[in-house]
Protein backbone atom coordinates (compact mmCIF):
# COMPACT_ATOMS: atom_id res chain seq x y z
CA MET A 1 -127.38 99.72 150.69
CA PRO A 2 -128.32 97.04 148.12
CA TYR A 3 -128.89 93.49 149.36
CA LYS A 4 -126.08 91.10 148.49
CA LYS A 5 -127.04 87.49 148.11
CA ARG A 6 -124.66 85.13 149.87
CA SER A 7 -123.46 82.09 148.00
CA ARG A 8 -122.78 78.70 149.46
CA SER A 9 -119.09 79.40 148.98
CA ASP A 10 -119.30 82.10 151.67
CA GLU A 11 -120.29 79.77 154.48
CA TYR A 12 -120.65 76.12 155.41
CA VAL A 13 -123.70 74.71 157.13
CA ALA A 14 -123.08 71.44 158.92
CA SER A 15 -125.25 68.59 157.74
CA SER A 16 -127.32 66.49 160.10
CA GLN A 17 -124.88 63.64 159.61
CA ASP A 18 -121.98 65.80 160.79
CA ARG A 19 -123.97 66.73 163.88
CA GLU A 20 -124.87 63.11 164.60
CA THR A 21 -121.25 62.00 164.48
CA ASN A 22 -120.27 64.81 166.87
CA ASN A 23 -117.92 66.31 164.31
CA ASP A 24 -115.68 63.27 164.19
CA GLN A 25 -114.75 64.37 160.71
CA ASN A 26 -112.91 67.67 160.53
CA VAL A 27 -114.71 69.65 157.85
CA GLU A 28 -113.09 72.69 156.33
CA PRO A 29 -115.10 75.57 154.82
CA MET A 30 -115.70 75.57 151.08
CA THR A 31 -113.46 77.87 149.09
CA ALA A 32 -114.72 80.36 146.56
CA LYS A 33 -112.36 79.04 143.92
CA SER A 34 -113.32 75.39 144.02
CA ASN A 35 -116.84 75.86 145.36
CA LYS A 36 -116.45 72.36 146.81
CA ARG A 37 -116.52 71.07 150.31
CA THR A 38 -113.19 69.65 151.42
CA LYS A 39 -112.70 67.16 154.22
CA ALA A 40 -109.63 66.31 156.22
CA PRO A 41 -108.48 62.69 155.94
CA ARG A 42 -110.32 60.47 158.36
CA LYS A 43 -108.28 58.26 160.61
CA VAL A 44 -109.64 54.75 160.90
CA THR A 45 -108.62 52.74 163.93
CA HIS A 46 -109.28 49.04 164.30
CA LYS A 47 -109.96 47.66 167.74
CA ALA A 48 -108.98 44.16 168.67
CA VAL A 49 -111.88 41.76 168.22
CA LYS A 50 -112.28 38.90 170.63
CA ILE A 51 -114.45 36.16 169.18
CA VAL A 52 -116.45 34.00 171.56
CA ASN A 53 -118.50 31.09 170.23
CA VAL A 54 -121.88 30.73 171.88
CA ALA A 55 -124.23 27.80 171.38
CA TYR A 56 -127.79 28.86 170.58
CA ALA A 57 -129.44 25.44 170.64
CA GLU A 58 -128.77 22.83 167.97
CA ALA A 59 -128.62 25.19 165.00
CA ASN A 60 -125.70 27.07 166.48
CA GLU A 61 -123.86 23.93 167.48
CA ARG A 62 -123.82 22.97 163.80
CA GLY A 63 -122.50 26.41 162.88
CA GLU A 64 -125.64 27.32 160.98
CA LYS A 65 -127.32 30.70 160.83
CA ILE A 66 -130.42 31.19 162.94
CA PRO A 67 -133.36 30.39 160.60
CA ILE A 68 -135.79 33.16 159.73
CA THR A 69 -139.36 32.01 159.17
CA LYS A 70 -141.42 33.88 156.61
CA LEU A 71 -145.09 34.05 157.53
CA GLU A 72 -148.01 35.32 155.53
CA ARG A 73 -149.93 38.12 157.14
CA HIS A 74 -152.98 36.97 159.07
CA LYS A 75 -156.30 37.92 157.51
CA LYS A 76 -158.02 40.06 160.09
CA GLY A 77 -161.34 38.84 161.40
CA LYS A 78 -164.16 40.74 163.03
CA ASP A 79 -163.29 39.73 166.60
CA ASP A 80 -159.49 39.86 166.29
CA PHE A 81 -157.42 41.87 168.76
CA THR A 82 -155.00 44.15 166.91
CA ALA A 83 -152.02 45.69 168.70
CA ILE A 84 -149.39 47.95 167.15
CA ALA A 85 -145.98 49.00 168.49
CA TRP A 86 -144.31 52.06 166.98
CA ASN A 87 -140.95 53.65 167.81
CA VAL A 88 -141.84 57.22 166.94
CA ASP A 89 -138.56 58.87 168.04
CA SER A 90 -140.40 61.87 169.54
CA LEU A 91 -144.17 61.69 169.85
CA ARG A 92 -144.50 65.46 169.85
CA ALA A 93 -142.72 65.68 166.49
CA LEU A 94 -145.04 63.02 165.07
CA LEU A 95 -148.18 64.80 166.24
CA ASN A 96 -147.00 68.24 165.13
CA HIS A 97 -145.51 67.35 161.76
CA ASN A 98 -146.56 63.86 160.64
CA VAL A 99 -149.91 63.23 162.30
CA GLN A 100 -151.38 62.07 158.98
CA GLU A 101 -149.23 58.93 159.24
CA LEU A 102 -150.96 58.08 162.51
CA ILE A 103 -154.40 58.83 161.05
CA ASP A 104 -153.73 56.64 158.01
CA LEU A 105 -152.48 53.81 160.23
CA CYS A 106 -155.61 53.89 162.36
CA LYS A 107 -157.86 53.90 159.30
CA GLU A 108 -156.09 50.95 157.71
CA GLU A 109 -155.50 48.73 160.74
CA GLN A 110 -158.31 49.72 163.15
CA PRO A 111 -156.11 48.75 166.14
CA ASN A 112 -157.39 48.03 169.62
CA VAL A 113 -154.10 49.12 171.18
CA ILE A 114 -151.21 51.27 169.98
CA GLY A 115 -147.95 51.42 171.91
CA PHE A 116 -145.54 54.28 171.28
CA MET A 117 -141.87 54.05 172.23
CA ASN A 118 -139.11 56.62 172.49
CA ILE A 119 -141.70 59.34 173.01
CA ARG A 120 -139.07 61.71 174.50
CA LEU A 121 -141.47 63.51 176.84
CA SER A 122 -140.00 64.42 180.20
CA ASP A 123 -142.69 66.36 182.08
CA GLU A 124 -146.40 66.08 182.75
CA GLU A 125 -147.31 69.24 180.86
CA MET A 126 -145.85 67.86 177.62
CA CYS A 127 -147.71 64.58 178.16
CA GLU A 128 -150.99 66.44 178.70
CA GLN A 129 -150.51 68.43 175.50
CA CYS A 130 -149.71 65.30 173.49
CA ASP A 131 -152.63 63.49 175.10
CA GLN A 132 -155.02 66.09 173.68
CA LEU A 133 -153.39 65.91 170.24
CA LEU A 134 -153.53 62.09 170.27
CA ARG A 135 -157.22 62.01 171.10
CA ALA A 136 -158.00 64.61 168.45
CA ALA A 137 -156.18 62.52 165.85
CA VAL A 138 -157.57 59.06 166.56
CA GLU A 139 -160.96 59.27 168.32
CA ASN A 140 -162.85 60.16 165.13
CA ILE A 141 -161.61 56.83 163.76
CA LEU A 142 -161.30 54.51 166.76
CA GLY A 143 -163.91 56.00 169.04
CA PRO A 144 -163.20 56.97 172.68
CA VAL A 145 -159.76 55.90 173.94
CA GLU A 146 -157.86 55.64 177.19
CA THR A 147 -154.19 56.69 177.43
CA VAL A 148 -151.36 55.46 179.65
CA TRP A 149 -148.06 57.33 179.98
CA ASN A 150 -144.69 56.25 181.31
CA ARG A 151 -142.36 59.19 180.83
CA CYS A 152 -138.62 59.14 181.44
CA THR A 153 -137.60 60.97 184.62
CA ALA A 154 -133.93 60.00 184.50
CA LYS A 155 -132.94 62.12 181.53
CA LYS A 156 -134.65 64.94 179.68
CA GLY A 157 -135.91 64.17 176.17
CA TYR A 158 -135.01 60.47 176.41
CA SER A 159 -136.85 57.17 176.06
CA GLY A 160 -140.39 56.88 177.46
CA THR A 161 -143.50 54.93 176.39
CA ALA A 162 -147.21 55.58 175.96
CA MET A 163 -150.28 53.57 174.97
CA ILE A 164 -153.74 54.30 173.66
CA VAL A 165 -156.52 51.74 174.19
CA ARG A 166 -159.97 51.72 172.67
CA LYS A 167 -162.60 51.85 175.38
CA SER A 168 -164.61 49.29 173.45
CA VAL A 169 -161.97 46.67 174.33
CA GLY A 170 -163.14 46.69 177.93
CA LYS A 171 -161.75 47.53 181.35
CA PHE A 172 -158.12 46.98 182.19
CA ASP A 173 -155.54 47.61 184.90
CA SER A 174 -152.34 49.40 183.95
CA LYS A 175 -148.91 49.14 185.49
CA LEU A 176 -145.59 50.88 184.83
CA GLY A 177 -142.25 49.07 184.94
CA ILE A 178 -141.29 45.40 185.36
CA SER A 179 -142.45 43.64 188.52
CA ASP A 180 -141.84 45.91 191.51
CA HIS A 181 -138.78 47.61 190.02
CA ALA A 182 -138.59 51.35 189.49
CA ASP A 183 -138.66 52.40 185.84
CA PRO A 184 -137.01 55.86 185.65
CA GLU A 185 -136.42 55.52 181.91
CA GLY A 186 -140.11 54.82 181.26
CA ARG A 187 -139.55 51.62 179.28
CA THR A 188 -142.46 49.33 180.14
CA ILE A 189 -146.25 49.53 180.33
CA THR A 190 -148.53 46.60 181.17
CA LEU A 191 -152.23 46.38 180.40
CA GLU A 192 -154.09 43.54 182.12
CA PHE A 193 -157.49 42.70 180.70
CA ASP A 194 -159.89 40.04 181.96
CA ASP A 195 -158.69 37.46 179.46
CA MET A 196 -155.20 38.60 178.41
CA VAL A 197 -152.17 40.77 179.21
CA VAL A 198 -150.39 43.21 176.90
CA VAL A 199 -146.83 44.25 177.76
CA LEU A 200 -145.23 47.10 175.85
CA CYS A 201 -141.47 47.37 176.22
CA TYR A 202 -138.78 49.64 174.81
CA VAL A 203 -135.69 47.53 175.46
CA PRO A 204 -132.50 49.55 176.09
CA ASN A 205 -130.07 49.84 173.20
CA SER A 206 -126.70 48.26 173.88
CA GLY A 207 -125.16 51.63 173.09
CA HIS A 208 -122.06 52.87 171.32
CA GLY A 209 -119.21 50.61 172.38
CA LEU A 210 -121.72 48.12 173.84
CA TYR A 211 -121.56 49.89 177.20
CA ARG A 212 -125.07 48.67 178.16
CA LEU A 213 -124.79 45.16 176.78
CA ALA A 214 -123.99 43.67 180.19
CA TYR A 215 -126.96 45.51 181.73
CA ARG A 216 -129.18 43.82 179.16
CA THR A 217 -127.79 40.30 179.01
CA SER A 218 -125.41 39.42 181.90
CA GLY A 219 -126.62 37.65 185.02
CA ARG A 220 -129.96 36.53 186.39
CA ARG A 221 -131.05 40.08 187.19
CA CYS A 222 -130.27 41.56 183.78
CA PHE A 223 -132.99 43.44 181.88
CA ASP A 224 -133.68 40.76 179.25
CA ALA A 225 -133.96 37.94 181.78
CA GLU A 226 -136.21 39.94 184.10
CA LEU A 227 -138.47 40.90 181.21
CA ALA A 228 -138.82 37.25 180.21
CA GLU A 229 -139.63 36.15 183.77
CA TYR A 230 -142.11 38.99 184.15
CA CYS A 231 -144.03 37.94 181.04
CA LYS A 232 -144.10 34.33 182.26
CA SER A 233 -145.51 35.35 185.64
CA PHE A 234 -149.07 35.94 184.39
CA ASP A 235 -151.66 33.19 184.50
CA LYS A 236 -153.34 34.28 181.27
CA PRO A 237 -152.22 34.71 177.64
CA THR A 238 -149.57 37.44 177.43
CA LEU A 239 -148.63 39.52 174.41
CA LEU A 240 -145.19 41.17 174.46
CA LEU A 241 -144.72 43.88 171.88
CA GLY A 242 -142.34 46.77 171.41
CA ASP A 243 -138.88 47.66 170.20
CA MET A 244 -136.59 44.85 171.32
CA ASN A 245 -133.50 46.61 169.95
CA VAL A 246 -132.37 43.47 168.13
CA ALA A 247 -130.95 44.17 164.68
CA ASP A 248 -130.08 40.85 163.11
CA ARG A 249 -130.55 42.08 159.53
CA ASP A 250 -130.03 45.34 157.71
CA VAL A 251 -133.79 45.65 157.23
CA ASP A 252 -134.03 46.08 161.01
CA ILE A 253 -132.04 49.34 160.89
CA TRP A 254 -133.95 52.46 159.87
CA ASN A 255 -130.78 54.35 158.85
CA VAL A 256 -128.63 51.47 157.68
CA ASP A 257 -127.15 53.60 154.88
CA LYS A 258 -125.29 55.79 157.36
CA PRO A 259 -121.53 55.16 157.21
CA TYR A 260 -121.16 54.95 160.98
CA ILE A 261 -123.82 52.25 161.53
CA PRO A 262 -121.38 49.25 161.37
CA LYS A 263 -119.44 50.73 164.27
CA LYS A 264 -122.47 51.18 166.47
CA SER A 265 -124.16 49.11 169.12
CA GLY A 266 -124.55 45.42 169.72
CA THR A 267 -125.72 43.28 166.86
CA ALA A 268 -124.69 45.82 164.22
CA MET A 269 -121.10 44.67 164.78
CA TRP A 270 -121.84 41.64 162.62
CA ARG A 271 -122.10 43.93 159.62
CA SER A 272 -118.51 45.03 160.24
CA HIS A 273 -117.28 41.44 160.08
CA PRO A 274 -119.10 39.58 157.30
CA GLU A 275 -116.65 36.69 157.59
CA ILE A 276 -118.17 35.85 160.98
CA THR A 277 -121.44 33.91 161.11
CA ARG A 278 -124.32 35.51 162.98
CA THR A 279 -124.18 32.73 165.54
CA THR A 280 -121.01 34.27 166.93
CA VAL A 281 -120.84 36.92 169.61
CA LEU A 282 -118.31 39.71 169.15
CA MET A 283 -116.94 41.47 172.19
CA VAL A 284 -115.15 44.69 171.25
CA ASN A 285 -113.82 46.08 174.48
CA GLU A 286 -110.09 45.82 174.22
């Protein structure tokens, strides 16, 4: 029987955007006549917005936007300590498909420390495999390295952090989590050297509907406050780096062109209400 080539009019393959939005848009199959994809009308609902003015020091009291300082990049010296934080959104995918990006980064920056966030590795076997791939990728450039892993045990394929450290930097002690708290989501790694401390942190996203905003910002024991106190607790210079999940400007969003971004977590709500200054907090929970 001869092979019959199927045309795109015979079937519809959902795009990645449709999968990301959990099929919020009802998509009908393409018809052979029109050969076009048709979509059902999308219902747009507007939630009530409660506006609460919050004073962020003097600038906010005057109703001004928080100033953004533009700094020239520091010219690297011979004895400088270079640390990089990178949200890789799956370390295994990076090492298997885009490892050249990591190699190029190491060649250009010659970092002493690299912190990876959102590694999405849930078991020790995966970490061991990625550890071997990491070393194979960077040790020809950076020399021998040490690795530290803080995988997420609360949810499979979620969150997690890892760090690589050049052995030439010197000895260090490593610690997982903030203070004495458990860290099931694998969000924090601390490296304590003789003369400084490096804290890598993958701060939780406020989430769709801001369901984790209170966990981050409300009360003395919230995540943000505890992280700040933890960094202040050291008696030596402390470097905090990572993904703070603060998106004040569109440039801070990697997929800002997606149509659903204005409706997503925390600070992105400002983009839905351009008439509101960025010194205003929006609570959308009604």
